[in-house]
Amino acid sequence: MKIFTYVDNSNLFIEGRRLSAVRKKINGICNIYEAINLKIFDNDWYIDYGRLHEFLCGTEKSEIGGARLWGSPPPKDTFWNYVESKGFNVQTYDRSAGKEKKLILLLLIKLAKILEK
C-alpha cells in the first residue's frame, strides 16, 4: 500500500517552536498552555525536512505515493526549493492576515477529494 503524507508547514513550524520552548523551559514555562498564553517560542528551533520526510514516509521510495507540504511563501523562495529537494511536493499559497483558516480549509478539501478517488 502506498503512503501519502500531507503537512501544513505553518502549524508544524509554530507548534514545534512552542513545544521546544516547553522542553527547554524557556522563561520557566512548564507546559504548552503557558507557552500559548504567554506567547513563548523557541526561536532557535528548526525543522529537518529530510528527517521529517523519512519519518513520515519511510525510506522505501516505491512505497511513497506522495508527500505534500502546504504553506505560505517565506521571504526567500529558496526555502521551497530546499524542501522539494528533501522529497516533498510543495504547494504554496499567499498568506494574509486572518486567512490561515482558509488555507487549512483548502488543505482539507483537497485531502477529501484525494481520498474520494
PDB file of N, CA and C in Angstrom:
ATOM      1  N   MET A   1       0.840  -1.173   0.000  1.00  0.00           N
ATOM      2  CA  MET A   1       0.000   0.000   0.000  1.00  0.00           C
ATOM      3  C   MET A   1       0.891   1.245   0.000  1.00  0.00           C
ATOM      4  N   LYS A   2       0.534   2.229  -0.801  1.00  0.00           N
ATOM      5  CA  LYS A   2       1.297   3.476  -0.899  1.00  0.00           C
ATOM      6  C   LYS A   2       1.027   4.372   0.309  1.00  0.00           C
ATOM      7  N   ILE A   3       2.025   5.152   0.670  1.00  0.00           N
ATOM      8  CA  ILE A   3       1.919   6.107   1.775  1.00  0.00           C
ATOM      9  C   ILE A   3       1.764   7.505   1.191  1.00  0.00           C
ATOM     10  N   PHE A   4       0.741   8.228   1.645  1.00  0.00           N
ATOM     11  CA  PHE A   4       0.511   9.611   1.239  1.00  0.00           C
ATOM     12  C   PHE A   4       0.613  10.483   2.478  1.00  0.00           C
ATOM     13  N   THR A   5       1.423  11.527   2.410  1.00  0.00           N
ATOM     14  CA  THR A   5       1.681  12.398   3.550  1.00  0.00           C
ATOM     15  C   THR A   5       1.368  13.838   3.184  1.00  0.00           C
ATOM     16  N   TYR A   6       0.670  14.538   4.073  1.00  0.00           N
ATOM     17  CA  TYR A   6       0.298  15.936   3.852  1.00  0.00           C
ATOM     18  C   TYR A   6       0.663  16.736   5.096  1.00  0.00           C
ATOM     19  N   VAL A   7       1.411  17.810   4.917  1.00  0.00           N
ATOM     20  CA  VAL A   7       1.911  18.599   6.043  1.00  0.00           C
ATOM     21  C   VAL A   7       1.526  20.061   5.865  1.00  0.00           C
ATOM     22  N   ASP A   8       0.960  20.657   6.919  1.00  0.00           N
ATOM     23  CA  ASP A   8       0.691  22.096   6.958  1.00  0.00           C
ATOM     24  C   ASP A   8       1.909  22.733   7.622  1.00  0.00           C
ATOM     25  N   ASN A   9       2.773  23.334   6.818  1.00  0.00           N
ATOM     26  CA  ASN A   9       4.045  23.851   7.312  1.00  0.00           C
ATOM     27  C   ASN A   9       3.882  24.923   8.387  1.00  0.00           C
ATOM     28  N   SER A  10       2.922  25.833   8.232  1.00  0.00           N
ATOM     29  CA  SER A  10       2.757  26.926   9.205  1.00  0.00           C
ATOM     30  C   SER A  10       2.508  26.384  10.599  1.00  0.00           C
ATOM     31  N   ASN A  11       1.522  25.497  10.719  1.00  0.00           N
ATOM     32  CA  ASN A  11       1.196  24.959  12.038  1.00  0.00           C
ATOM     33  C   ASN A  11       2.321  24.096  12.587  1.00  0.00           C
ATOM     34  N   LEU A  12       2.952  23.318  11.741  1.00  0.00           N
ATOM     35  CA  LEU A  12       4.078  22.496  12.174  1.00  0.00           C
ATOM     36  C   LEU A  12       5.189  23.376  12.746  1.00  0.00           C
ATOM     37  N   PHE A  13       5.519  24.446  12.048  1.00  0.00           N
ATOM     38  CA  PHE A  13       6.595  25.335  12.472  1.00  0.00           C
ATOM     39  C   PHE A  13       6.246  26.062  13.777  1.00  0.00           C
ATOM     40  N   ILE A  14       5.047  26.621  13.845  1.00  0.00           N
ATOM     41  CA  ILE A  14       4.632  27.381  15.039  1.00  0.00           C
ATOM     42  C   ILE A  14       4.566  26.473  16.263  1.00  0.00           C
ATOM     43  N   GLU A  15       3.874  25.343  16.131  1.00  0.00           N
ATOM     44  CA  GLU A  15       3.706  24.460  17.288  1.00  0.00           C
ATOM     45  C   GLU A  15       5.015  23.769  17.665  1.00  0.00           C
ATOM     46  N   GLY A  16       5.866  23.500  16.698  1.00  0.00           N
ATOM     47  CA  GLY A  16       7.180  22.939  17.003  1.00  0.00           C
ATOM     48  C   GLY A  16       8.006  23.895  17.846  1.00  0.00           C
ATOM     49  N   ARG A  17       7.944  25.180  17.509  1.00  0.00           N
ATOM     50  CA  ARG A  17       8.669  26.194  18.292  1.00  0.00           C
ATOM     51  C   ARG A  17       8.111  26.284  19.709  1.00  0.00           C
ATOM     52  N   ARG A  18       6.790  26.146  19.848  1.00  0.00           N
ATOM     53  CA  ARG A  18       6.186  26.177  21.192  1.00  0.00           C
ATOM     54  C   ARG A  18       6.619  24.961  22.010  1.00  0.00           C
ATOM     55  N   LEU A  19       6.504  23.780  21.414  1.00  0.00           N
ATOM     56  CA  LEU A  19       6.876  22.556  22.140  1.00  0.00           C
ATOM     57  C   LEU A  19       8.343  22.572  22.552  1.00  0.00           C
ATOM     58  N   SER A  20       9.193  23.079  21.692  1.00  0.00           N
ATOM     59  CA  SER A  20      10.606  23.173  22.026  1.00  0.00           C
ATOM     60  C   SER A  20      10.822  24.132  23.196  1.00  0.00           C
ATOM     61  N   ALA A  21      10.064  25.210  23.237  1.00  0.00           N
ATOM     62  CA  ALA A  21      10.164  26.168  24.350  1.00  0.00           C
ATOM     63  C   ALA A  21       9.781  25.501  25.666  1.00  0.00           C
ATOM     64  N   VAL A  22       8.750  24.661  25.634  1.00  0.00           N
ATOM     65  CA  VAL A  22       8.336  23.940  26.842  1.00  0.00           C
ATOM     66  C   VAL A  22       9.433  22.966  27.256  1.00  0.00           C
ATOM     67  N   ARG A  23       9.958  22.238  26.290  1.00  0.00           N
ATOM     68  CA  ARG A  23      11.011  21.261  26.572  1.00  0.00           C
ATOM     69  C   ARG A  23      12.244  21.909  27.196  1.00  0.00           C
ATOM     70  N   LYS A  24      12.587  23.099  26.708  1.00  0.00           N
ATOM     71  CA  LYS A  24      13.758  23.820  27.224  1.00  0.00           C
ATOM     72  C   LYS A  24      13.426  24.684  28.434  1.00  0.00           C
ATOM     73  N   LYS A  25      12.129  24.724  28.792  1.00  0.00           N
ATOM     74  CA  LYS A  25      11.650  25.546  29.920  1.00  0.00           C
ATOM     75  C   LYS A  25      12.058  27.014  29.768  1.00  0.00           C
ATOM     76  N   ILE A  26      11.930  27.523  28.543  1.00  0.00           N
ATOM     77  CA  ILE A  26      12.253  28.926  28.266  1.00  0.00           C
ATOM     78  C   ILE A  26      11.335  29.814  29.099  1.00  0.00           C
ATOM     79  N   ASN A  27      11.904  30.800  29.747  1.00  0.00           N
ATOM     80  CA  ASN A  27      11.185  31.711  30.652  1.00  0.00           C
ATOM     81  C   ASN A  27      10.447  30.959  31.754  1.00  0.00           C
ATOM     82  N   GLY A  28      10.911  29.758  32.089  1.00  0.00           N
ATOM     83  CA  GLY A  28      10.332  28.985  33.182  1.00  0.00           C
ATOM     84  C   GLY A  28       8.999  28.322  32.884  1.00  0.00           C
ATOM     85  N   ILE A  29       8.572  28.309  31.627  1.00  0.00           N
ATOM     86  CA  ILE A  29       7.274  27.696  31.327  1.00  0.00           C
ATOM     87  C   ILE A  29       7.351  26.188  31.527  1.00  0.00           C
ATOM     88  N   CYS A  30       6.225  25.611  31.961  1.00  0.00           N
ATOM     89  CA  CYS A  30       6.194  24.181  32.279  1.00  0.00           C
ATOM     90  C   CYS A  30       5.301  23.363  31.362  1.00  0.00           C
ATOM     91  N   ASN A  31       4.420  24.021  30.611  1.00  0.00           N
ATOM     92  CA  ASN A  31       3.512  23.258  29.754  1.00  0.00           C
ATOM     93  C   ASN A  31       3.114  24.077  28.529  1.00  0.00           C
ATOM     94  N   ILE A  32       2.479  23.396  27.592  1.00  0.00           N
ATOM     95  CA  ILE A  32       2.109  24.025  26.322  1.00  0.00           C
ATOM     96  C   ILE A  32       1.107  25.158  26.523  1.00  0.00           C
ATOM     97  N   TYR A  33       0.238  25.035  27.530  1.00  0.00           N
ATOM     98  CA  TYR A  33      -0.755  26.085  27.773  1.00  0.00           C
ATOM     99  C   TYR A  33      -0.086  27.397  28.158  1.00  0.00           C
ATOM    100  N   GLU A  34       0.961  27.316  28.973  1.00  0.00           N
ATOM    101  CA  GLU A  34       1.716  28.521  29.330  1.00  0.00           C
ATOM    102  C   GLU A  34       2.392  29.107  28.092  1.00  0.00           C
ATOM    103  N   ALA A  35       2.956  28.255  27.262  1.00  0.00           N
ATOM    104  CA  ALA A  35       3.617  28.734  26.037  1.00  0.00           C
ATOM    105  C   ALA A  35       2.623  29.458  25.138  1.00  0.00           C
ATOM    106  N   ILE A  36       1.416  28.919  25.023  1.00  0.00           N
ATOM    107  CA  ILE A  36       0.385  29.553  24.187  1.00  0.00           C
ATOM    108  C   ILE A  36      -0.047  30.876  24.798  1.00  0.00           C
ATOM    109  N   ASN A  37      -0.413  30.849  26.074  1.00  0.00           N
ATOM    110  CA  ASN A  37      -0.932  32.060  26.726  1.00  0.00           C
ATOM    111  C   ASN A  37       0.101  33.174  26.829  1.00  0.00           C
ATOM    112  N   LEU A  38       1.352  32.811  27.056  1.00  0.00           N
ATOM    113  CA  LEU A  38       2.409  33.814  27.203  1.00  0.00           C
ATOM    114  C   LEU A  38       3.144  34.099  25.895  1.00  0.00           C
ATOM    115  N   LYS A  39       2.724  33.394  24.824  1.00  0.00           N
ATOM    116  CA  LYS A  39       3.339  33.571  23.501  1.00  0.00           C
ATOM    117  C   LYS A  39       4.860  33.351  23.552  1.00  0.00           C
ATOM    118  N   ILE A  40       5.238  32.221  24.140  1.00  0.00           N
ATOM    119  CA  ILE A  40       6.650  31.867  24.270  1.00  0.00           C
ATOM    120  C   ILE A  40       7.017  30.867  23.173  1.00  0.00           C
ATOM    121  N   PHE A  41       8.092  31.158  22.446  1.00  0.00           N
ATOM    122  CA  PHE A  41       8.570  30.293  21.369  1.00  0.00           C
ATOM    123  C   PHE A  41      10.073  30.087  21.517  1.00  0.00           C
ATOM    124  N   ASP A  42      10.552  28.969  21.015  1.00  0.00           N
ATOM    125  CA  ASP A  42      11.989  28.743  20.899  1.00  0.00           C
ATOM    126  C   ASP A  42      12.373  29.145  19.480  1.00  0.00           C
ATOM    127  N   ASN A  43      12.913  30.337  19.336  1.00  0.00           N
ATOM    128  CA  ASN A  43      13.254  30.855  18.008  1.00  0.00           C
ATOM    129  C   ASN A  43      14.473  30.182  17.388  1.00  0.00           C
ATOM    130  N   ASP A  44      15.145  29.319  18.145  1.00  0.00           N
ATOM    131  CA  ASP A  44      16.282  28.569  17.602  1.00  0.00           C
ATOM    132  C   ASP A  44      15.866  27.218  17.023  1.00  0.00           C
ATOM    133  N   TRP A  45      14.609  26.817  17.249  1.00  0.00           N
ATOM    134  CA  TRP A  45      14.129  25.522  16.765  1.00  0.00           C
ATOM    135  C   TRP A  45      13.910  25.567  15.260  1.00  0.00           C
ATOM    136  N   TYR A  46      14.264  24.497  14.581  1.00  0.00           N
ATOM    137  CA  TYR A  46      14.033  24.404  13.140  1.00  0.00           C
ATOM    138  C   TYR A  46      13.610  22.983  12.793  1.00  0.00           C
ATOM    139  N   ILE A  47      13.083  22.823  11.601  1.00  0.00           N
ATOM    140  CA  ILE A  47      12.623  21.523  11.130  1.00  0.00           C
ATOM    141  C   ILE A  47      13.676  20.944  10.189  1.00  0.00           C
ATOM    142  N   ASP A  48      14.029  19.706  10.399  1.00  0.00           N
ATOM    143  CA  ASP A  48      14.882  18.988   9.458  1.00  0.00           C
ATOM    144  C   ASP A  48      13.928  18.273   8.503  1.00  0.00           C
ATOM    145  N   TYR A  49      13.686  18.877   7.342  1.00  0.00           N
ATOM    146  CA  TYR A  49      12.678  18.353   6.417  1.00  0.00           C
ATOM    147  C   TYR A  49      13.047  16.989   5.858  1.00  0.00           C
ATOM    148  N   GLY A  50      14.315  16.710   5.698  1.00  0.00           N
ATOM    149  CA  GLY A  50      14.729  15.389   5.242  1.00  0.00           C
ATOM    150  C   GLY A  50      14.343  14.313   6.249  1.00  0.00           C
ATOM    151  N   ARG A  51      14.615  14.567   7.514  1.00  0.00           N
ATOM    152  CA  ARG A  51      14.252  13.615   8.571  1.00  0.00           C
ATOM    153  C   ARG A  51      12.743  13.519   8.725  1.00  0.00           C
ATOM    154  N   LEU A  52      12.036  14.649   8.578  1.00  0.00           N
ATOM    155  CA  LEU A  52      10.572  14.636   8.653  1.00  0.00           C
ATOM    156  C   LEU A  52      10.004  13.746   7.549  1.00  0.00           C
ATOM    157  N   HIS A  53      10.501  13.938   6.326  1.00  0.00           N
ATOM    158  CA  HIS A  53      10.032  13.140   5.189  1.00  0.00           C
ATOM    159  C   HIS A  53      10.303  11.653   5.435  1.00  0.00           C
ATOM    160  N   GLU A  54      11.501  11.332   5.899  1.00  0.00           N
ATOM    161  CA  GLU A  54      11.854   9.940   6.170  1.00  0.00           C
ATOM    162  C   GLU A  54      10.984   9.355   7.279  1.00  0.00           C
ATOM    163  N   PHE A  55      10.734  10.129   8.337  1.00  0.00           N
ATOM    164  CA  PHE A  55       9.910   9.664   9.453  1.00  0.00           C
ATOM    165  C   PHE A  55       8.477   9.396   8.993  1.00  0.00           C
ATOM    166  N   LEU A  56       7.916  10.316   8.215  1.00  0.00           N
ATOM    167  CA  LEU A  56       6.526  10.180   7.782  1.00  0.00           C
ATOM    168  C   LEU A  56       6.342   9.161   6.667  1.00  0.00           C
ATOM    169  N   CYS A  57       7.292   9.112   5.740  1.00  0.00           N
ATOM    170  CA  CYS A  57       7.122   8.297   4.529  1.00  0.00           C
ATOM    171  C   CYS A  57       7.942   7.017   4.512  1.00  0.00           C
ATOM    172  N   GLY A  58       8.939   6.923   5.368  1.00  0.00           N
ATOM    173  CA  GLY A  58       9.832   5.776   5.306  1.00  0.00           C
ATOM    174  C   GLY A  58      10.924   6.028   4.279  1.00  0.00           C
ATOM    175  N   THR A  59      11.732   5.028   4.052  1.00  0.00           N
ATOM    176  CA  THR A  59      12.859   5.199   3.131  1.00  0.00           C
ATOM    177  C   THR A  59      12.673   4.456   1.818  1.00  0.00           C
ATOM    178  N   GLU A  60      11.688   3.584   1.743  1.00  0.00           N
ATOM    179  CA  GLU A  60      11.447   2.812   0.523  1.00  0.00           C
ATOM    180  C   GLU A  60      10.637   3.650  -0.467  1.00  0.00           C
ATOM    181  N   LYS A  61      11.325   4.196  -1.474  1.00  0.00           N
ATOM    182  CA  LYS A  61      10.695   5.116  -2.436  1.00  0.00           C
ATOM    183  C   LYS A  61       9.481   4.501  -3.132  1.00  0.00           C
ATOM    184  N   SER A  62       9.491   3.193  -3.378  1.00  0.00           N
ATOM    185  CA  SER A  62       8.375   2.560  -4.086  1.00  0.00           C
ATOM    186  C   SER A  62       7.096   2.562  -3.260  1.00  0.00           C
ATOM    187  N   GLU A  63       7.217   2.780  -1.950  1.00  0.00           N
ATOM    188  CA  GLU A  63       6.043   2.807  -1.077  1.00  0.00           C
ATOM    189  C   GLU A  63       5.439   4.202  -0.939  1.00  0.00           C
ATOM    190  N   ILE A  64       6.146   5.231  -1.411  1.00  0.00           N
ATOM    191  CA  ILE A  64       5.682   6.607  -1.239  1.00  0.00           C
ATOM    192  C   ILE A  64       4.779   6.989  -2.402  1.00  0.00           C
ATOM    193  N   GLY A  65       3.495   7.213  -2.099  1.00  0.00           N
ATOM    194  CA  GLY A  65       2.542   7.637  -3.117  1.00  0.00           C
ATOM    195  C   GLY A  65       2.597   9.135  -3.327  1.00  0.00           C
ATOM    196  N   GLY A  66       2.935   9.869  -2.289  1.00  0.00           N
ATOM    197  CA  GLY A  66       3.038  11.320  -2.385  1.00  0.00           C
ATOM    198  C   GLY A  66       3.334  11.930  -1.035  1.00  0.00           C
ATOM    199  N   ALA A  67       4.050  13.029  -1.046  1.00  0.00           N
ATOM    200  CA  ALA A  67       4.354  13.774   0.172  1.00  0.00           C
ATOM    201  C   ALA A  67       4.221  15.247  -0.179  1.00  0.00           C
ATOM    202  N   ARG A  68       3.219  15.898   0.402  1.00  0.00           N
ATOM    203  CA  ARG A  68       2.979  17.306   0.083  1.00  0.00           C
ATOM    204  C   ARG A  68       3.157  18.178   1.306  1.00  0.00           C
ATOM    205  N   LEU A  69       3.681  19.351   1.065  1.00  0.00           N
ATOM    206  CA  LEU A  69       3.876  20.338   2.117  1.00  0.00           C
ATOM    207  C   LEU A  69       3.175  21.605   1.667  1.00  0.00           C
ATOM    208  N   TRP A  70       2.211  22.064   2.466  1.00  0.00           N
ATOM    209  CA  TRP A  70       1.488  23.292   2.156  1.00  0.00           C
ATOM    210  C   TRP A  70       1.997  24.414   3.039  1.00  0.00           C
ATOM    211  N   GLY A  71       2.003  25.618   2.499  1.00  0.00           N
ATOM    212  CA  GLY A  71       2.391  26.762   3.302  1.00  0.00           C
ATOM    213  C   GLY A  71       2.386  28.044   2.514  1.00  0.00           C
ATOM    214  N   SER A  72       2.762  29.102   3.189  1.00  0.00           N
ATOM    215  CA  SER A  72       2.845  30.431   2.586  1.00  0.00           C
ATOM    216  C   SER A  72       4.290  30.708   2.223  1.00  0.00           C
ATOM    217  N   PRO A  73       4.515  31.390   1.101  1.00  0.00           N
ATOM    218  CA  PRO A  73       5.898  31.667   0.712  1.00  0.00           C
ATOM    219  C   PRO A  73       6.613  32.531   1.744  1.00  0.00           C
ATOM    220  N   PRO A  74       7.752  32.073   2.245  1.00  0.00           N
ATOM    221  CA  PRO A  74       8.546  32.914   3.136  1.00  0.00           C
ATOM    222  C   PRO A  74       9.290  33.961   2.309  1.00  0.00           C
ATOM    223  N   PRO A  75       9.989  34.869   2.972  1.00  0.00           N
ATOM    224  CA  PRO A  75      10.683  35.926   2.232  1.00  0.00           C
ATOM    225  C   PRO A  75      11.634  35.417   1.161  1.00  0.00           C
ATOM    226  N   LYS A  76      12.265  34.272   1.375  1.00  0.00           N
ATOM    227  CA  LYS A  76      13.222  33.746   0.396  1.00  0.00           C
ATOM    228  C   LYS A  76      12.646  32.497  -0.262  1.00  0.00           C
ATOM    229  N   ASP A  77      12.476  32.537  -1.571  1.00  0.00           N
ATOM    230  CA  ASP A  77      11.907  31.407  -2.299  1.00  0.00           C
ATOM    231  C   ASP A  77      12.791  30.171  -2.272  1.00  0.00           C
ATOM    232  N   THR A  78      14.075  30.307  -1.982  1.00  0.00           N
ATOM    233  CA  THR A  78      14.967  29.152  -1.972  1.00  0.00           C
ATOM    234  C   THR A  78      14.546  28.135  -0.912  1.00  0.00           C
ATOM    235  N   PHE A  79      13.794  28.582   0.092  1.00  0.00           N
ATOM    236  CA  PHE A  79      13.290  27.679   1.127  1.00  0.00           C
ATOM    237  C   PHE A  79      12.507  26.537   0.506  1.00  0.00           C
ATOM    238  N   TRP A  80      11.605  26.848  -0.418  1.00  0.00           N
ATOM    239  CA  TRP A  80      10.753  25.809  -1.014  1.00  0.00           C
ATOM    240  C   TRP A  80      11.566  24.883  -1.907  1.00  0.00           C
ATOM    241  N   ASN A  81      12.595  25.398  -2.557  1.00  0.00           N
ATOM    242  CA  ASN A  81      13.480  24.537  -3.347  1.00  0.00           C
ATOM    243  C   ASN A  81      14.180  23.524  -2.442  1.00  0.00           C
ATOM    244  N   TYR A  82      14.604  23.993  -1.282  1.00  0.00           N
ATOM    245  CA  TYR A  82      15.253  23.113  -0.313  1.00  0.00           C
ATOM    246  C   TYR A  82      14.293  22.011   0.126  1.00  0.00           C
ATOM    247  N   VAL A  83      13.063  22.395   0.470  1.00  0.00           N
ATOM    248  CA  VAL A  83      12.073  21.422   0.928  1.00  0.00           C
ATOM    249  C   VAL A  83      11.781  20.403  -0.177  1.00  0.00           C
ATOM    250  N   GLU A  84      11.670  20.870  -1.417  1.00  0.00           N
ATOM    251  CA  GLU A  84      11.446  19.951  -2.540  1.00  0.00           C
ATOM    252  C   GLU A  84      12.611  18.972  -2.678  1.00  0.00           C
ATOM    253  N   SER A  85      13.828  19.462  -2.455  1.00  0.00           N
ATOM    254  CA  SER A  85      14.998  18.579  -2.570  1.00  0.00           C
ATOM    255  C   SER A  85      14.984  17.485  -1.505  1.00  0.00           C
ATOM    256  N   LYS A  86      14.210  17.686  -0.452  1.00  0.00           N
ATOM    257  CA  LYS A  86      14.101  16.696   0.621  1.00  0.00           C
ATOM    258  C   LYS A  86      12.967  15.709   0.377  1.00  0.00           C
ATOM    259  N   GLY A  87      12.279  15.835  -0.768  1.00  0.00           N
ATOM    260  CA  GLY A  87      11.288  14.833  -1.136  1.00  0.00           C
ATOM    261  C   GLY A  87       9.845  15.280  -1.126  1.00  0.00           C
ATOM    262  N   PHE A  88       9.584  16.514  -0.725  1.00  0.00           N
ATOM    263  CA  PHE A  88       8.202  16.983  -0.668  1.00  0.00           C
ATOM    264  C   PHE A  88       7.777  17.644  -1.969  1.00  0.00           C
ATOM    265  N   ASN A  89       6.519  17.455  -2.346  1.00  0.00           N
ATOM    266  CA  ASN A  89       5.886  18.198  -3.427  1.00  0.00           C
ATOM    267  C   ASN A  89       5.304  19.436  -2.749  1.00  0.00           C
ATOM    268  N   VAL A  90       5.772  20.614  -3.108  1.00  0.00           N
ATOM    269  CA  VAL A  90       5.407  21.845  -2.408  1.00  0.00           C
ATOM    270  C   VAL A  90       4.262  22.560  -3.109  1.00  0.00           C
ATOM    271  N   GLN A  91       3.316  23.028  -2.313  1.00  0.00           N
ATOM    272  CA  GLN A  91       2.234  23.850  -2.825  1.00  0.00           C
ATOM    273  C   GLN A  91       2.146  25.079  -1.919  1.00  0.00           C
ATOM    274  N   THR A  92       2.365  26.262  -2.482  1.00  0.00           N
ATOM    275  CA  THR A  92       2.346  27.478  -1.670  1.00  0.00           C
ATOM    276  C   THR A  92       1.107  28.307  -1.970  1.00  0.00           C
ATOM    277  N   TYR A  93       0.710  29.075  -0.972  1.00  0.00           N
ATOM    278  CA  TYR A  93      -0.427  29.980  -1.078  1.00  0.00           C
ATOM    279  C   TYR A  93      -0.034  31.291  -0.426  1.00  0.00           C
ATOM    280  N   ASP A  94      -0.472  32.396  -1.013  1.00  0.00           N
ATOM    281  CA  ASP A  94      -0.189  33.687  -0.404  1.00  0.00           C
ATOM    282  C   ASP A  94      -0.892  33.767   0.937  1.00  0.00           C
ATOM    283  N   ARG A  95      -0.187  34.316   1.902  1.00  0.00           N
ATOM    284  CA  ARG A  95      -0.714  34.426   3.257  1.00  0.00           C
ATOM    285  C   ARG A  95      -1.100  35.873   3.510  1.00  0.00           C
ATOM    286  N   SER A  96      -2.254  36.048   4.108  1.00  0.00           N
ATOM    287  CA  SER A  96      -2.657  37.387   4.526  1.00  0.00           C
ATOM    288  C   SER A  96      -3.350  37.269   5.874  1.00  0.00           C
ATOM    289  N   ALA A  97      -3.358  38.353   6.610  1.00  0.00           N
ATOM    290  CA  ALA A  97      -3.882  38.354   7.974  1.00  0.00           C
ATOM    291  C   ALA A  97      -5.276  37.742   8.031  1.00  0.00           C
ATOM    292  N   GLY A  98      -5.470  36.820   8.973  1.00  0.00           N
ATOM    293  CA  GLY A  98      -6.775  36.213   9.179  1.00  0.00           C
ATOM    294  C   GLY A  98      -7.158  35.158   8.160  1.00  0.00           C
ATOM    295  N   LYS A  99      -6.273  34.820   7.243  1.00  0.00           N
ATOM    296  CA  LYS A  99      -6.614  33.868   6.179  1.00  0.00           C
ATOM    297  C   LYS A  99      -6.068  32.464   6.453  1.00  0.00           C
ATOM    298  N   GLU A 100      -5.413  32.261   7.573  1.00  0.00           N
ATOM    299  CA  GLU A 100      -4.807  30.961   7.874  1.00  0.00           C
ATOM    300  C   GLU A 100      -5.856  29.853   7.900  1.00  0.00           C
ATOM    301  N   LYS A 101      -7.031  30.147   8.444  1.00  0.00           N
ATOM    302  CA  LYS A 101      -8.089  29.142   8.499  1.00  0.00           C
ATOM    303  C   LYS A 101      -8.550  28.748   7.099  1.00  0.00           C
ATOM    304  N   LYS A 102      -8.524  29.695   6.161  1.00  0.00           N
ATOM    305  CA  LYS A 102      -8.891  29.376   4.782  1.00  0.00           C
ATOM    306  C   LYS A 102      -7.894  28.402   4.174  1.00  0.00           C
ATOM    307  N   LEU A 103      -6.624  28.566   4.493  1.00  0.00           N
ATOM    308  CA  LEU A 103      -5.595  27.658   3.990  1.00  0.00           C
ATOM    309  C   LEU A 103      -5.832  26.251   4.528  1.00  0.00           C
ATOM    310  N   ILE A 104      -6.155  26.152   5.810  1.00  0.00           N
ATOM    311  CA  ILE A 104      -6.424  24.850   6.413  1.00  0.00           C
ATOM    312  C   ILE A 104      -7.654  24.215   5.769  1.00  0.00           C
ATOM    313  N   LEU A 105      -8.694  25.015   5.549  1.00  0.00           N
ATOM    314  CA  LEU A 105      -9.905  24.509   4.905  1.00  0.00           C
ATOM    315  C   LEU A 105      -9.595  24.025   3.491  1.00  0.00           C
ATOM    316  N   LEU A 106      -8.805  24.785   2.754  1.00  0.00           N
ATOM    317  CA  LEU A 106      -8.412  24.390   1.399  1.00  0.00           C
ATOM    318  C   LEU A 106      -7.648  23.066   1.431  1.00  0.00           C
ATOM    319  N   LEU A 107      -6.745  22.922   2.383  1.00  0.00           N
ATOM    320  CA  LEU A 107      -5.995  21.682   2.536  1.00  0.00           C
ATOM    321  C   LEU A 107      -6.941  20.513   2.796  1.00  0.00           C
ATOM    322  N   LEU A 108      -7.921  20.703   3.678  1.00  0.00           N
ATOM    323  CA  LEU A 108      -8.866  19.632   3.993  1.00  0.00           C
ATOM    324  C   LEU A 108      -9.727  19.262   2.792  1.00  0.00           C
ATOM    325  N   ILE A 109     -10.152  20.250   2.019  1.00  0.00           N
ATOM    326  CA  ILE A 109     -10.949  19.978   0.817  1.00  0.00           C
ATOM    327  C   ILE A 109     -10.133  19.160  -0.177  1.00  0.00           C
ATOM    328  N   LYS A 110      -8.875  19.557  -0.387  1.00  0.00           N
ATOM    329  CA  LYS A 110      -8.020  18.805  -1.320  1.00  0.00           C
ATOM    330  C   LYS A 110      -7.798  17.377  -0.833  1.00  0.00           C
ATOM    331  N   LEU A 111      -7.596  17.204   0.469  1.00  0.00           N
ATOM    332  CA  LEU A 111      -7.423  15.863   1.016  1.00  0.00           C
ATOM    333  C   LEU A 111      -8.675  15.021   0.816  1.00  0.00           C
ATOM    334  N   ALA A 112      -9.838  15.617   1.060  1.00  0.00           N
ATOM    335  CA  ALA A 112     -11.098  14.888   0.882  1.00  0.00           C
ATOM    336  C   ALA A 112     -11.261  14.431  -0.562  1.00  0.00           C
ATOM    337  N   LYS A 113     -10.908  15.294  -1.506  1.00  0.00           N
ATOM    338  CA  LYS A 113     -11.013  14.927  -2.925  1.00  0.00           C
ATOM    339  C   LYS A 113     -10.063  13.787  -3.278  1.00  0.00           C
ATOM    340  N   ILE A 114      -8.866  13.817  -2.717  1.00  0.00           N
ATOM    341  CA  ILE A 114      -7.890  12.760  -2.981  1.00  0.00           C
ATOM    342  C   ILE A 114      -8.372  11.434  -2.390  1.00  0.00           C
ATOM    343  N   LEU A 115      -8.891  11.483  -1.166  1.00  0.00           N
ATOM    344  CA  LEU A 115      -9.360  10.266  -0.502  1.00  0.00           C
ATOM    345  C   LEU A 115     -10.600   9.691  -1.177  1.00  0.00           C
ATOM    346  N   GLU A 116     -11.351  10.551  -1.843  1.00  0.00           N
ATOM    347  CA  GLU A 116     -12.569  10.149  -2.537  1.00  0.00           C
ATOM    348  C   GLU A 116     -12.270   9.228  -3.716  1.00  0.00           C
ATOM    349  N   LYS A 117     -11.093   9.397  -4.323  1.00  0.00           N
ATOM    350  CA  LYS A 117     -10.727   8.644  -5.537  1.00  0.00           C
ATOM    351  C   LYS A 117     -10.563   7.177  -5.291  1.00  0.00           C
TER     352      LYS A 117
END
